[in-house]
Amino acid sequence: MTTEHIATARQRRRYWDDVTAPDHTWRIDPRTKQPRRPPGEDLAAMRSGLGRPVMDSPKMWPLYSCEVDDVLALRDEVSDEQKAEHAALALYGLHQQSQSTPMHRRGVKLGEALRALRRSGKFSEEALDTRVAQLAGATSVSALLVHLRGLITQLRTVGQPLDYNHLMDDIQAWHHTDRRPRVRLKWAVGYQAWKDKEPAD
């Protein structure tokens, strides 16, 4: 990869940032003057990566934005960042499916999104508490992604967005056992806020 290509990769926004404006609406395409909603084929390509390892779905290749680690590439390996982006893209494709508004919203971390899901009344609070506990207790990245997939499906049901940059960071951190406690703490702080008498959203 040339220096020019690396610079381009670093400047490229994540897919969800490329289509979502800072005011949580769709970005406007400067050429067509129309909202830049993700095409159905893009979302389908993302969902094709669910349950599959990074680079295993060729349809997703054009959607990746991570810089390729040349050293790892020479060994036919990928970075934890690439793995995390793949997983986050697949989950975003699932979350955004059939939604008219952006499901990526800056600043809404996973714990806060799950707290909103709990308050929605759409699902049993006890059952949701159990699912969140199973998520936080996942002992591998693959187990984490299985639990995330189920919870993202529930978030889609109530149209609750979350910040996919934060989620990608959480998934990347989960590859390192020493970083998991901090991620769990972040989720707990966001989710347990439902215990407040007068929560400020």
N, C-alpha and C. Protein backbone atom coordinates (compact mmCIF):
# COMPACT_ATOMS: atom_id res chain seq x y z
N MET A 1 0.85 -1.19 0.00
CA MET A 1 0.00 0.00 0.00
C MET A 1 0.89 1.24 0.00
N THR A 2 0.66 2.19 -0.91
CA THR A 2 1.47 3.38 -1.00
C THR A 2 1.09 4.38 0.08
N THR A 3 1.97 5.40 0.26
CA THR A 3 1.70 6.45 1.24
C THR A 3 0.39 7.16 0.90
N GLU A 4 0.16 7.38 -0.38
CA GLU A 4 -1.07 8.04 -0.82
C GLU A 4 -2.30 7.23 -0.44
N HIS A 5 -2.23 5.92 -0.63
CA HIS A 5 -3.35 5.05 -0.30
C HIS A 5 -3.60 5.03 1.21
N ILE A 6 -2.51 5.02 1.99
CA ILE A 6 -2.66 5.02 3.44
C ILE A 6 -3.32 6.31 3.91
N ALA A 7 -2.91 7.44 3.35
CA ALA A 7 -3.50 8.72 3.72
C ALA A 7 -4.99 8.73 3.40
N THR A 8 -5.33 8.17 2.24
CA THR A 8 -6.75 8.12 1.86
C THR A 8 -7.53 7.27 2.84
N ALA A 9 -6.96 6.12 3.24
CA ALA A 9 -7.64 5.23 4.17
C ALA A 9 -7.88 5.92 5.50
N ARG A 10 -6.88 6.68 5.96
CA ARG A 10 -7.01 7.35 7.25
C ARG A 10 -8.07 8.44 7.21
N GLN A 11 -8.26 9.06 6.04
CA GLN A 11 -9.22 10.15 5.92
C GLN A 11 -10.64 9.64 5.71
N ARG A 12 -10.78 8.40 5.35
CA ARG A 12 -12.10 7.87 5.03
C ARG A 12 -12.93 7.68 6.29
N ARG A 13 -14.16 8.16 6.24
CA ARG A 13 -15.06 8.01 7.39
C ARG A 13 -15.61 6.61 7.44
N ARG A 14 -15.99 6.20 8.65
CA ARG A 14 -16.71 4.93 8.79
C ARG A 14 -18.01 5.04 8.01
N TYR A 15 -18.52 3.92 7.56
CA TYR A 15 -19.71 3.93 6.72
C TYR A 15 -20.85 4.70 7.38
N TRP A 16 -21.10 4.41 8.66
CA TRP A 16 -22.24 5.04 9.34
C TRP A 16 -22.06 6.55 9.50
N ASP A 17 -20.81 7.00 9.61
CA ASP A 17 -20.55 8.44 9.67
C ASP A 17 -20.69 9.08 8.30
N ASP A 18 -20.44 8.31 7.27
CA ASP A 18 -20.51 8.84 5.92
C ASP A 18 -21.95 9.12 5.49
N VAL A 19 -22.91 8.45 6.11
CA VAL A 19 -24.31 8.65 5.73
C VAL A 19 -25.10 9.44 6.77
N THR A 20 -24.55 9.60 7.98
CA THR A 20 -25.28 10.27 9.06
C THR A 20 -24.67 11.64 9.36
N ALA A 21 -25.49 12.67 9.34
CA ALA A 21 -25.04 14.03 9.62
C ALA A 21 -24.92 14.26 11.12
N PRO A 22 -24.20 15.30 11.55
CA PRO A 22 -24.05 15.59 12.98
C PRO A 22 -25.38 15.85 13.70
N ASP A 23 -26.41 16.28 12.95
CA ASP A 23 -27.70 16.53 13.59
C ASP A 23 -28.59 15.29 13.61
N HIS A 24 -27.99 14.11 13.36
CA HIS A 24 -28.67 12.81 13.45
C HIS A 24 -29.67 12.57 12.31
N THR A 25 -29.55 13.34 11.23
CA THR A 25 -30.34 13.08 10.03
C THR A 25 -29.41 12.50 8.97
N TRP A 26 -29.96 12.15 7.82
CA TRP A 26 -29.12 11.66 6.74
C TRP A 26 -28.32 12.80 6.13
N ARG A 27 -27.07 12.54 5.80
CA ARG A 27 -26.28 13.53 5.07
C ARG A 27 -26.91 13.75 3.69
N ILE A 28 -26.73 14.92 3.15
CA ILE A 28 -27.23 15.23 1.81
C ILE A 28 -26.11 15.04 0.80
N ASP A 29 -26.40 14.26 -0.23
CA ASP A 29 -25.42 14.04 -1.29
C ASP A 29 -25.27 15.34 -2.08
N PRO A 30 -24.05 15.90 -2.15
CA PRO A 30 -23.86 17.18 -2.84
C PRO A 30 -24.16 17.13 -4.33
N ARG A 31 -24.10 15.94 -4.91
CA ARG A 31 -24.35 15.82 -6.35
C ARG A 31 -25.85 15.74 -6.65
N THR A 32 -26.55 14.90 -5.91
CA THR A 32 -27.98 14.70 -6.17
C THR A 32 -28.89 15.56 -5.32
N LYS A 33 -28.32 16.16 -4.24
CA LYS A 33 -29.11 16.96 -3.28
C LYS A 33 -30.15 16.12 -2.55
N GLN A 34 -29.96 14.81 -2.55
CA GLN A 34 -30.89 13.89 -1.90
C GLN A 34 -30.23 13.30 -0.65
N PRO A 35 -31.04 12.87 0.33
CA PRO A 35 -30.47 12.23 1.53
C PRO A 35 -29.65 11.00 1.15
N ARG A 36 -28.53 10.84 1.81
CA ARG A 36 -27.62 9.74 1.51
C ARG A 36 -28.00 8.52 2.35
N ARG A 37 -29.19 7.99 2.12
CA ARG A 37 -29.61 6.79 2.85
C ARG A 37 -28.83 5.58 2.34
N PRO A 38 -28.49 4.66 3.23
CA PRO A 38 -27.75 3.46 2.78
C PRO A 38 -28.58 2.66 1.80
N PRO A 39 -28.05 2.35 0.63
CA PRO A 39 -28.79 1.51 -0.32
C PRO A 39 -29.07 0.14 0.28
N GLY A 40 -30.17 -0.45 -0.13
CA GLY A 40 -30.53 -1.77 0.38
C GLY A 40 -29.45 -2.80 0.13
N GLU A 41 -28.76 -2.67 -1.02
CA GLU A 41 -27.71 -3.65 -1.33
C GLU A 41 -26.52 -3.51 -0.38
N ASP A 42 -26.24 -2.29 0.09
CA ASP A 42 -25.17 -2.11 1.07
C ASP A 42 -25.53 -2.79 2.38
N LEU A 43 -26.77 -2.57 2.84
CA LEU A 43 -27.20 -3.16 4.10
C LEU A 43 -27.23 -4.69 4.01
N ALA A 44 -27.64 -5.19 2.85
CA ALA A 44 -27.66 -6.65 2.66
C ALA A 44 -26.23 -7.19 2.67
N ALA A 45 -25.30 -6.44 2.06
CA ALA A 45 -23.89 -6.87 2.06
C ALA A 45 -23.36 -6.92 3.49
N MET A 46 -23.72 -5.91 4.30
CA MET A 46 -23.27 -5.91 5.69
C MET A 46 -23.82 -7.12 6.44
N ARG A 47 -25.10 -7.37 6.26
CA ARG A 47 -25.72 -8.50 6.99
C ARG A 47 -25.13 -9.84 6.56
N SER A 48 -24.57 -9.88 5.36
CA SER A 48 -23.94 -11.13 4.92
C SER A 48 -22.72 -11.48 5.77
N GLY A 49 -22.22 -10.49 6.53
CA GLY A 49 -21.08 -10.73 7.38
C GLY A 49 -21.42 -11.22 8.77
N LEU A 50 -22.72 -11.26 9.10
CA LEU A 50 -23.13 -11.72 10.43
C LEU A 50 -22.68 -13.17 10.65
N GLY A 51 -21.98 -13.39 11.74
CA GLY A 51 -21.53 -14.74 12.07
C GLY A 51 -20.37 -15.23 11.24
N ARG A 52 -19.79 -14.36 10.42
CA ARG A 52 -18.68 -14.76 9.57
C ARG A 52 -17.44 -13.93 9.93
N PRO A 53 -16.25 -14.48 9.75
CA PRO A 53 -15.03 -13.72 10.07
C PRO A 53 -14.78 -12.60 9.08
N VAL A 54 -13.96 -11.66 9.49
CA VAL A 54 -13.61 -10.53 8.64
C VAL A 54 -13.01 -11.02 7.32
N MET A 55 -13.37 -10.35 6.24
CA MET A 55 -12.92 -10.63 4.88
C MET A 55 -13.56 -11.88 4.27
N ASP A 56 -14.44 -12.55 5.02
CA ASP A 56 -15.04 -13.77 4.50
C ASP A 56 -16.22 -13.48 3.57
N SER A 57 -16.71 -12.25 3.57
CA SER A 57 -17.82 -11.87 2.70
C SER A 57 -17.32 -10.81 1.72
N PRO A 58 -17.01 -11.19 0.49
CA PRO A 58 -16.46 -10.23 -0.49
C PRO A 58 -17.35 -9.02 -0.72
N LYS A 59 -18.66 -9.16 -0.53
CA LYS A 59 -19.56 -8.02 -0.73
C LYS A 59 -19.28 -6.89 0.25
N MET A 60 -18.63 -7.21 1.37
CA MET A 60 -18.34 -6.20 2.37
C MET A 60 -17.04 -5.45 2.11
N TRP A 61 -16.18 -6.00 1.28
CA TRP A 61 -14.86 -5.42 1.10
C TRP A 61 -14.89 -3.93 0.76
N PRO A 62 -15.78 -3.45 -0.14
CA PRO A 62 -15.78 -2.02 -0.47
C PRO A 62 -16.27 -1.14 0.68
N LEU A 63 -16.84 -1.74 1.71
CA LEU A 63 -17.43 -0.96 2.81
C LEU A 63 -16.47 -0.74 3.96
N TYR A 64 -15.36 -1.47 3.98
CA TYR A 64 -14.39 -1.31 5.05
C TYR A 64 -13.65 0.02 4.92
N SER A 65 -13.30 0.62 6.06
CA SER A 65 -12.55 1.88 6.04
C SER A 65 -11.23 1.79 6.80
N CYS A 66 -10.99 0.71 7.52
CA CYS A 66 -9.76 0.57 8.32
C CYS A 66 -8.52 0.50 7.44
N GLU A 67 -7.46 1.09 7.93
CA GLU A 67 -6.17 0.96 7.28
C GLU A 67 -5.68 -0.48 7.43
N VAL A 68 -5.16 -1.03 6.36
CA VAL A 68 -4.63 -2.40 6.39
C VAL A 68 -3.25 -2.39 7.05
N ASP A 69 -3.05 -3.28 7.98
CA ASP A 69 -1.75 -3.43 8.63
C ASP A 69 -0.88 -4.29 7.73
N ASP A 70 0.12 -3.66 7.10
CA ASP A 70 0.95 -4.37 6.12
C ASP A 70 1.68 -5.56 6.73
N VAL A 71 2.15 -5.40 7.96
CA VAL A 71 2.89 -6.48 8.61
C VAL A 71 1.99 -7.70 8.81
N LEU A 72 0.78 -7.46 9.32
CA LEU A 72 -0.16 -8.57 9.50
C LEU A 72 -0.61 -9.15 8.16
N ALA A 73 -0.80 -8.27 7.19
CA ALA A 73 -1.25 -8.73 5.87
C ALA A 73 -0.25 -9.69 5.24
N LEU A 74 1.03 -9.47 5.47
CA LEU A 74 2.05 -10.36 4.92
C LEU A 74 1.94 -11.76 5.52
N ARG A 75 1.31 -11.85 6.71
CA ARG A 75 1.11 -13.16 7.35
C ARG A 75 -0.32 -13.66 7.16
N ASP A 76 -1.06 -13.00 6.25
CA ASP A 76 -2.46 -13.34 6.00
C ASP A 76 -3.29 -13.21 7.26
N GLU A 77 -3.02 -12.15 8.02
CA GLU A 77 -3.77 -11.87 9.24
C GLU A 77 -4.34 -10.46 9.17
N VAL A 78 -5.28 -10.17 10.06
CA VAL A 78 -5.89 -8.85 10.12
C VAL A 78 -5.82 -8.32 11.54
N SER A 79 -5.96 -7.01 11.69
CA SER A 79 -5.87 -6.39 13.01
C SER A 79 -7.18 -6.53 13.77
N ASP A 80 -7.10 -6.31 15.08
CA ASP A 80 -8.31 -6.32 15.90
C ASP A 80 -9.26 -5.20 15.48
N GLU A 81 -8.70 -4.11 15.00
CA GLU A 81 -9.54 -3.01 14.52
C GLU A 81 -10.34 -3.44 13.31
N GLN A 82 -9.71 -4.15 12.39
CA GLN A 82 -10.42 -4.64 11.20
C GLN A 82 -11.52 -5.63 11.60
N LYS A 83 -11.21 -6.50 12.54
CA LYS A 83 -12.22 -7.45 13.01
C LYS A 83 -13.39 -6.72 13.64
N ALA A 84 -13.09 -5.68 14.42
CA ALA A 84 -14.15 -4.93 15.09
C ALA A 84 -15.00 -4.16 14.10
N GLU A 85 -14.36 -3.58 13.08
CA GLU A 85 -15.15 -2.85 12.08
C GLU A 85 -16.07 -3.80 11.32
N HIS A 86 -15.55 -4.97 10.98
CA HIS A 86 -16.38 -5.97 10.28
C HIS A 86 -17.61 -6.30 11.12
N ALA A 87 -17.41 -6.58 12.40
CA ALA A 87 -18.53 -6.94 13.28
C ALA A 87 -19.51 -5.78 13.42
N ALA A 88 -18.98 -4.56 13.58
CA ALA A 88 -19.85 -3.39 13.75
C ALA A 88 -20.64 -3.11 12.48
N LEU A 89 -20.02 -3.27 11.32
CA LEU A 89 -20.73 -3.08 10.06
C LEU A 89 -21.86 -4.09 9.91
N ALA A 90 -21.59 -5.34 10.24
CA ALA A 90 -22.62 -6.38 10.13
C ALA A 90 -23.80 -6.06 11.05
N LEU A 91 -23.51 -5.61 12.26
CA LEU A 91 -24.57 -5.26 13.21
C LEU A 91 -25.31 -4.01 12.76
N TYR A 92 -24.58 -3.06 12.19
CA TYR A 92 -25.24 -1.85 11.68
C TYR A 92 -26.20 -2.20 10.55
N GLY A 93 -25.77 -3.10 9.65
CA GLY A 93 -26.66 -3.53 8.57
C GLY A 93 -27.93 -4.16 9.09
N LEU A 94 -27.81 -4.92 10.18
CA LEU A 94 -28.98 -5.52 10.82
C LEU A 94 -29.86 -4.46 11.46
N HIS A 95 -29.24 -3.52 12.15
CA HIS A 95 -29.94 -2.48 12.89
C HIS A 95 -30.68 -1.51 11.96
N GLN A 96 -30.02 -1.13 10.86
CA GLN A 96 -30.58 -0.13 9.96
C GLN A 96 -31.63 -0.70 9.02
N GLN A 97 -31.71 -1.99 8.90
CA GLN A 97 -32.66 -2.63 7.99
C GLN A 97 -34.08 -2.16 8.25
N SER A 98 -34.74 -1.67 7.20
CA SER A 98 -36.15 -1.25 7.24
C SER A 98 -36.39 -0.03 8.14
N GLN A 99 -35.35 0.69 8.51
CA GLN A 99 -35.50 1.89 9.34
C GLN A 99 -35.38 3.13 8.46
N SER A 100 -36.28 4.08 8.63
CA SER A 100 -36.26 5.29 7.80
C SER A 100 -35.35 6.37 8.35
N THR A 101 -34.98 6.27 9.63
CA THR A 101 -34.09 7.25 10.25
C THR A 101 -32.78 6.58 10.62
N PRO A 102 -31.70 7.34 10.77
CA PRO A 102 -30.40 6.74 11.08
C PRO A 102 -30.38 6.02 12.42
N MET A 103 -29.84 4.81 12.42
CA MET A 103 -29.68 4.05 13.67
C MET A 103 -28.31 4.26 14.29
N HIS A 104 -27.48 5.07 13.65
CA HIS A 104 -26.22 5.52 14.26
C HIS A 104 -26.46 6.91 14.83
N ARG A 105 -26.24 7.06 16.11
CA ARG A 105 -26.38 8.38 16.74
C ARG A 105 -25.20 8.62 17.67
N ARG A 106 -24.45 9.64 17.37
CA ARG A 106 -23.25 9.96 18.15
C ARG A 106 -23.60 10.21 19.61
N GLY A 107 -22.79 9.65 20.49
CA GLY A 107 -22.94 9.89 21.92
C GLY A 107 -23.85 8.93 22.65
N VAL A 108 -24.62 8.11 21.92
CA VAL A 108 -25.51 7.15 22.57
C VAL A 108 -24.78 5.82 22.69
N LYS A 109 -24.16 5.61 23.84
CA LYS A 109 -23.39 4.39 24.05
C LYS A 109 -24.33 3.21 24.27
N LEU A 110 -23.77 2.01 24.18
CA LEU A 110 -24.59 0.80 24.24
C LEU A 110 -25.41 0.72 25.51
N GLY A 111 -24.80 1.01 26.67
CA GLY A 111 -25.55 0.93 27.92
C GLY A 111 -26.75 1.85 27.93
N GLU A 112 -26.60 3.06 27.39
CA GLU A 112 -27.70 4.02 27.35
C GLU A 112 -28.80 3.55 26.39
N ALA A 113 -28.38 2.98 25.26
CA ALA A 113 -29.37 2.48 24.30
C ALA A 113 -30.17 1.33 24.91
N LEU A 114 -29.49 0.45 25.64
CA LEU A 114 -30.19 -0.66 26.28
C LEU A 114 -31.08 -0.18 27.41
N ARG A 115 -30.68 0.88 28.08
CA ARG A 115 -31.53 1.47 29.11
C ARG A 115 -32.82 1.98 28.48
N ALA A 116 -32.71 2.65 27.33
CA ALA A 116 -33.90 3.13 26.62
C ALA A 116 -34.78 1.96 26.18
N LEU A 117 -34.13 0.87 25.76
CA LEU A 117 -34.88 -0.33 25.37
C LEU A 117 -35.66 -0.87 26.56
N ARG A 118 -35.04 -0.88 27.71
CA ARG A 118 -35.71 -1.37 28.93
C ARG A 118 -36.92 -0.52 29.27
N ARG A 119 -36.80 0.78 29.09
CA ARG A 119 -37.90 1.69 29.42
C ARG A 119 -39.03 1.65 28.40
N SER A 120 -38.74 1.10 27.22
CA SER A 120 -39.74 1.12 26.15
C SER A 120 -40.98 0.31 26.49
N GLY A 121 -40.83 -0.66 27.39
CA GLY A 121 -41.96 -1.51 27.75
C GLY A 121 -42.27 -2.57 26.72
N LYS A 122 -41.45 -2.67 25.69
CA LYS A 122 -41.70 -3.62 24.61
C LYS A 122 -41.30 -5.04 25.00
N PHE A 123 -40.35 -5.14 25.91
CA PHE A 123 -39.85 -6.45 26.31
C PHE A 123 -39.84 -6.57 27.83
N SER A 124 -39.84 -7.80 28.31
CA SER A 124 -39.78 -8.05 29.74
C SER A 124 -38.49 -7.47 30.32
N GLU A 125 -38.62 -6.68 31.38
CA GLU A 125 -37.44 -6.08 32.00
C GLU A 125 -36.52 -7.15 32.56
N GLU A 126 -37.10 -8.18 33.18
CA GLU A 126 -36.30 -9.24 33.76
C GLU A 126 -35.53 -10.00 32.67
N ALA A 127 -36.22 -10.28 31.56
CA ALA A 127 -35.57 -11.00 30.47
C ALA A 127 -34.45 -10.16 29.87
N LEU A 128 -34.70 -8.85 29.74
CA LEU A 128 -33.67 -7.98 29.19
C LEU A 128 -32.48 -7.88 30.14
N ASP A 129 -32.74 -7.79 31.42
CA ASP A 129 -31.64 -7.76 32.39
C ASP A 129 -30.76 -9.00 32.24
N THR A 130 -31.40 -10.13 32.03
CA THR A 130 -30.66 -11.38 31.87
C THR A 130 -29.81 -11.35 30.61
N ARG A 131 -30.38 -10.84 29.52
CA ARG A 131 -29.64 -10.79 28.25
C ARG A 131 -28.45 -9.84 28.35
N VAL A 132 -28.66 -8.72 29.04
CA VAL A 132 -27.56 -7.76 29.20
C VAL A 132 -26.45 -8.37 30.07
N ALA A 133 -26.86 -9.09 31.11
CA ALA A 133 -25.87 -9.75 31.97
C ALA A 133 -25.09 -10.80 31.19
N GLN A 134 -25.76 -11.53 30.30
CA GLN A 134 -25.08 -12.52 29.47
C GLN A 134 -24.09 -11.85 28.52
N LEU A 135 -24.49 -10.70 27.98
CA LEU A 135 -23.59 -9.93 27.12
C LEU A 135 -22.33 -9.54 27.88
N ALA A 136 -22.52 -8.95 29.06
CA ALA A 136 -21.39 -8.48 29.85
C ALA A 136 -20.51 -9.63 30.33
N GLY A 137 -21.09 -10.81 30.44
CA GLY A 137 -20.34 -11.97 30.92
C GLY A 137 -19.71 -12.80 29.83
N ALA A 138 -19.84 -12.36 28.58
CA ALA A 138 -19.28 -13.13 27.46
C ALA A 138 -17.78 -13.34 27.65
N THR A 139 -17.35 -14.55 27.45
CA THR A 139 -15.94 -14.88 27.68
C THR A 139 -15.13 -14.97 26.39
N SER A 140 -15.76 -14.65 25.27
CA SER A 140 -15.04 -14.64 23.99
C SER A 140 -15.69 -13.60 23.09
N VAL A 141 -14.99 -13.20 22.06
CA VAL A 141 -15.53 -12.23 21.12
C VAL A 141 -16.72 -12.84 20.37
N SER A 142 -16.60 -14.11 19.99
CA SER A 142 -17.70 -14.74 19.26
C SER A 142 -18.97 -14.79 20.09
N ALA A 143 -18.85 -15.09 21.39
CA ALA A 143 -20.02 -15.09 22.27
C ALA A 143 -20.59 -13.69 22.42
N LEU A 144 -19.71 -12.71 22.54
CA LEU A 144 -20.15 -11.32 22.64
C LEU A 144 -20.99 -10.94 21.43
N LEU A 145 -20.55 -11.31 20.24
CA LEU A 145 -21.26 -10.93 19.03
C LEU A 145 -22.61 -11.62 18.90
N VAL A 146 -22.70 -12.84 19.40
CA VAL A 146 -24.00 -13.54 19.40
C VAL A 146 -24.99 -12.78 20.26
N HIS A 147 -24.56 -12.37 21.46
CA HIS A 147 -25.45 -11.63 22.35
C HIS A 147 -25.78 -10.25 21.79
N LEU A 148 -24.80 -9.61 21.18
CA LEU A 148 -25.04 -8.30 20.58
C LEU A 148 -26.06 -8.40 19.45
N ARG A 149 -25.97 -9.44 18.68
CA ARG A 149 -26.90 -9.61 17.55
C ARG A 149 -28.35 -9.66 18.04
N GLY A 150 -28.59 -10.39 19.12
CA GLY A 150 -29.94 -10.47 19.66
C GLY A 150 -30.42 -9.13 20.21
N LEU A 151 -29.54 -8.42 20.88
CA LEU A 151 -29.92 -7.13 21.47
C LEU A 151 -30.11 -6.06 20.41
N ILE A 152 -29.28 -6.09 19.36
CA ILE A 152 -29.44 -5.13 18.27
C ILE A 152 -30.78 -5.35 17.57
N THR A 153 -31.18 -6.59 17.43
CA THR A 153 -32.48 -6.89 16.83
C THR A 153 -33.60 -6.26 17.67
N GLN A 154 -33.47 -6.32 18.99
CA GLN A 154 -34.47 -5.72 19.86
C GLN A 154 -34.43 -4.19 19.76
N LEU A 155 -33.24 -3.61 19.67
CA LEU A 155 -33.13 -2.17 19.50
C LEU A 155 -33.79 -1.73 18.20
N ARG A 156 -33.63 -2.52 17.15
CA ARG A 156 -34.26 -2.19 15.86
C ARG A 156 -35.78 -2.21 15.99
N THR A 157 -36.29 -3.13 16.79
CA THR A 157 -37.74 -3.25 16.96
C THR A 157 -38.37 -1.97 17.50
N VAL A 158 -37.64 -1.27 18.39
CA VAL A 158 -38.18 -0.04 18.97
C VAL A 158 -37.58 1.21 18.32
N GLY A 159 -36.75 1.02 17.28
CA GLY A 159 -36.16 2.16 16.59
C GLY A 159 -35.18 2.95 17.42
N GLN A 160 -34.47 2.26 18.33
CA GLN A 160 -33.51 2.93 19.22
C GLN A 160 -32.12 2.92 18.61
N PRO A 161 -31.56 4.09 18.29
CA PRO A 161 -30.22 4.15 17.73
C PRO A 161 -29.13 4.05 18.78
N LEU A 162 -27.90 3.88 18.33
CA LEU A 162 -26.73 3.92 19.22
C LEU A 162 -25.53 4.38 18.43
N ASP A 163 -24.45 4.68 19.13
CA ASP A 163 -23.23 5.18 18.52
C ASP A 163 -22.37 4.00 18.08
N TYR A 164 -22.24 3.83 16.77
CA TYR A 164 -21.49 2.68 16.26
C TYR A 164 -19.97 2.86 16.36
N ASN A 165 -19.51 4.09 16.51
CA ASN A 165 -18.08 4.27 16.76
C ASN A 165 -17.73 3.74 18.15
N HIS A 166 -18.57 4.03 19.12
CA HIS A 166 -18.35 3.51 20.47
C HIS A 166 -18.48 2.00 20.48
N LEU A 167 -19.48 1.47 19.77
CA LEU A 167 -19.67 0.02 19.75
C LEU A 167 -18.46 -0.67 19.12
N MET A 168 -17.95 -0.10 18.05
CA MET A 168 -16.76 -0.69 17.41
C MET A 168 -15.58 -0.69 18.37
N ASP A 169 -15.41 0.41 19.13
CA ASP A 169 -14.33 0.47 20.12
C ASP A 169 -14.52 -0.62 21.18
N ASP A 170 -15.77 -0.82 21.62
CA ASP A 170 -16.04 -1.84 22.63
C ASP A 170 -15.69 -3.24 22.12
N ILE A 171 -16.07 -3.51 20.88
CA ILE A 171 -15.79 -4.82 20.29
C ILE A 171 -14.28 -5.02 20.15
N GLN A 172 -13.59 -3.98 19.72
CA GLN A 172 -12.13 -4.09 19.59
C GLN A 172 -11.49 -4.34 20.95
N ALA A 173 -11.97 -3.65 21.97
CA ALA A 173 -11.41 -3.83 23.32
C ALA A 173 -11.65 -5.24 23.83
N TRP A 174 -12.75 -5.86 23.41
CA TRP A 174 -13.10 -7.20 23.91
C TRP A 174 -12.10 -8.26 23.47
N HIS A 175 -11.28 -7.94 22.48
CA HIS A 175 -10.24 -8.88 22.06
C HIS A 175 -9.13 -8.99 23.10
N HIS A 176 -9.13 -8.11 24.09
CA HIS A 176 -8.09 -8.10 25.11
C HIS A 176 -8.75 -8.25 26.48
N THR A 177 -8.50 -9.37 27.14
CA THR A 177 -9.19 -9.65 28.40
C THR A 177 -8.95 -8.58 29.46
N ASP A 178 -7.80 -7.92 29.43
CA ASP A 178 -7.52 -6.91 30.45
C ASP A 178 -8.30 -5.61 30.22
N ARG A 179 -8.88 -5.46 29.03
CA ARG A 179 -9.66 -4.25 28.73
C ARG A 179 -11.16 -4.47 28.90
N ARG A 180 -11.57 -5.70 29.07
CA ARG A 180 -13.00 -5.98 29.20
C ARG A 180 -13.64 -5.37 30.44
N PRO A 181 -12.97 -5.37 31.61
CA PRO A 181 -13.62 -4.77 32.79
C PRO A 181 -14.02 -3.31 32.59
N ARG A 182 -13.21 -2.55 31.87
CA ARG A 182 -13.54 -1.14 31.64
C ARG A 182 -14.77 -1.01 30.73
N VAL A 183 -14.87 -1.91 29.74
CA VAL A 183 -16.03 -1.89 28.86
C VAL A 183 -17.28 -2.25 29.65
N ARG A 184 -17.17 -3.29 30.50
CA ARG A 184 -18.31 -3.68 31.34
C ARG A 184 -18.75 -2.52 32.23
N LEU A 185 -17.78 -1.81 32.80
CA LEU A 185 -18.10 -0.69 33.66
C LEU A 185 -18.87 0.38 32.89
N LYS A 186 -18.43 0.67 31.68
CA LYS A 186 -19.09 1.68 30.85
C LYS A 186 -20.53 1.27 30.55
N TRP A 187 -20.72 -0.01 30.21
CA TRP A 187 -22.07 -0.50 29.94
C TRP A 187 -22.94 -0.42 31.19
N ALA A 188 -22.38 -0.82 32.32
CA ALA A 188 -23.14 -0.82 33.58
C ALA A 188 -23.58 0.58 33.97
N VAL A 189 -22.68 1.54 33.84
CA VAL A 189 -23.01 2.92 34.20
C VAL A 189 -24.17 3.42 33.35
N GLY A 190 -24.14 3.11 32.06
CA GLY A 190 -25.22 3.55 31.17
C GLY A 190 -26.52 2.81 31.42
N TYR A 191 -26.43 1.50 31.61
CA TYR A 191 -27.64 0.69 31.74
C TYR A 191 -28.28 0.84 33.11
N GLN A 192 -27.49 0.88 34.16
CA GLN A 192 -28.04 0.94 35.51
C GLN A 192 -28.66 2.29 35.84
N ALA A 193 -28.51 3.27 34.99
CA ALA A 193 -29.12 4.58 35.24
C ALA A 193 -30.64 4.51 35.27
N TRP A 194 -31.22 3.39 34.80
CA TRP A 194 -32.69 3.29 34.87
C TRP A 194 -33.18 3.26 36.31
N LYS A 195 -32.25 3.03 37.24
CA LYS A 195 -32.64 3.02 38.65
C LYS A 195 -32.88 4.42 39.20
N ASP A 196 -32.41 5.46 38.45
CA ASP A 196 -32.66 6.83 38.89
C ASP A 196 -34.16 7.11 38.92
N LYS A 197 -34.57 7.85 39.92
CA LYS A 197 -36.00 8.19 40.00
C LYS A 197 -36.43 9.11 38.87
N GLU A 198 -35.60 10.10 38.58
CA GLU A 198 -35.93 11.03 37.51
C GLU A 198 -34.73 11.10 36.54
N PRO A 199 -34.57 10.10 35.71
CA PRO A 199 -33.43 10.09 34.81
C PRO A 199 -33.48 11.24 33.81
N ALA A 200 -32.34 11.84 33.55
CA ALA A 200 -32.27 12.91 32.58
C ALA A 200 -31.71 12.36 31.29
N ASP A 201 -32.53 12.23 30.26
CA ASP A 201 -32.09 11.71 28.97
C ASP A 201 -31.56 12.86 28.13
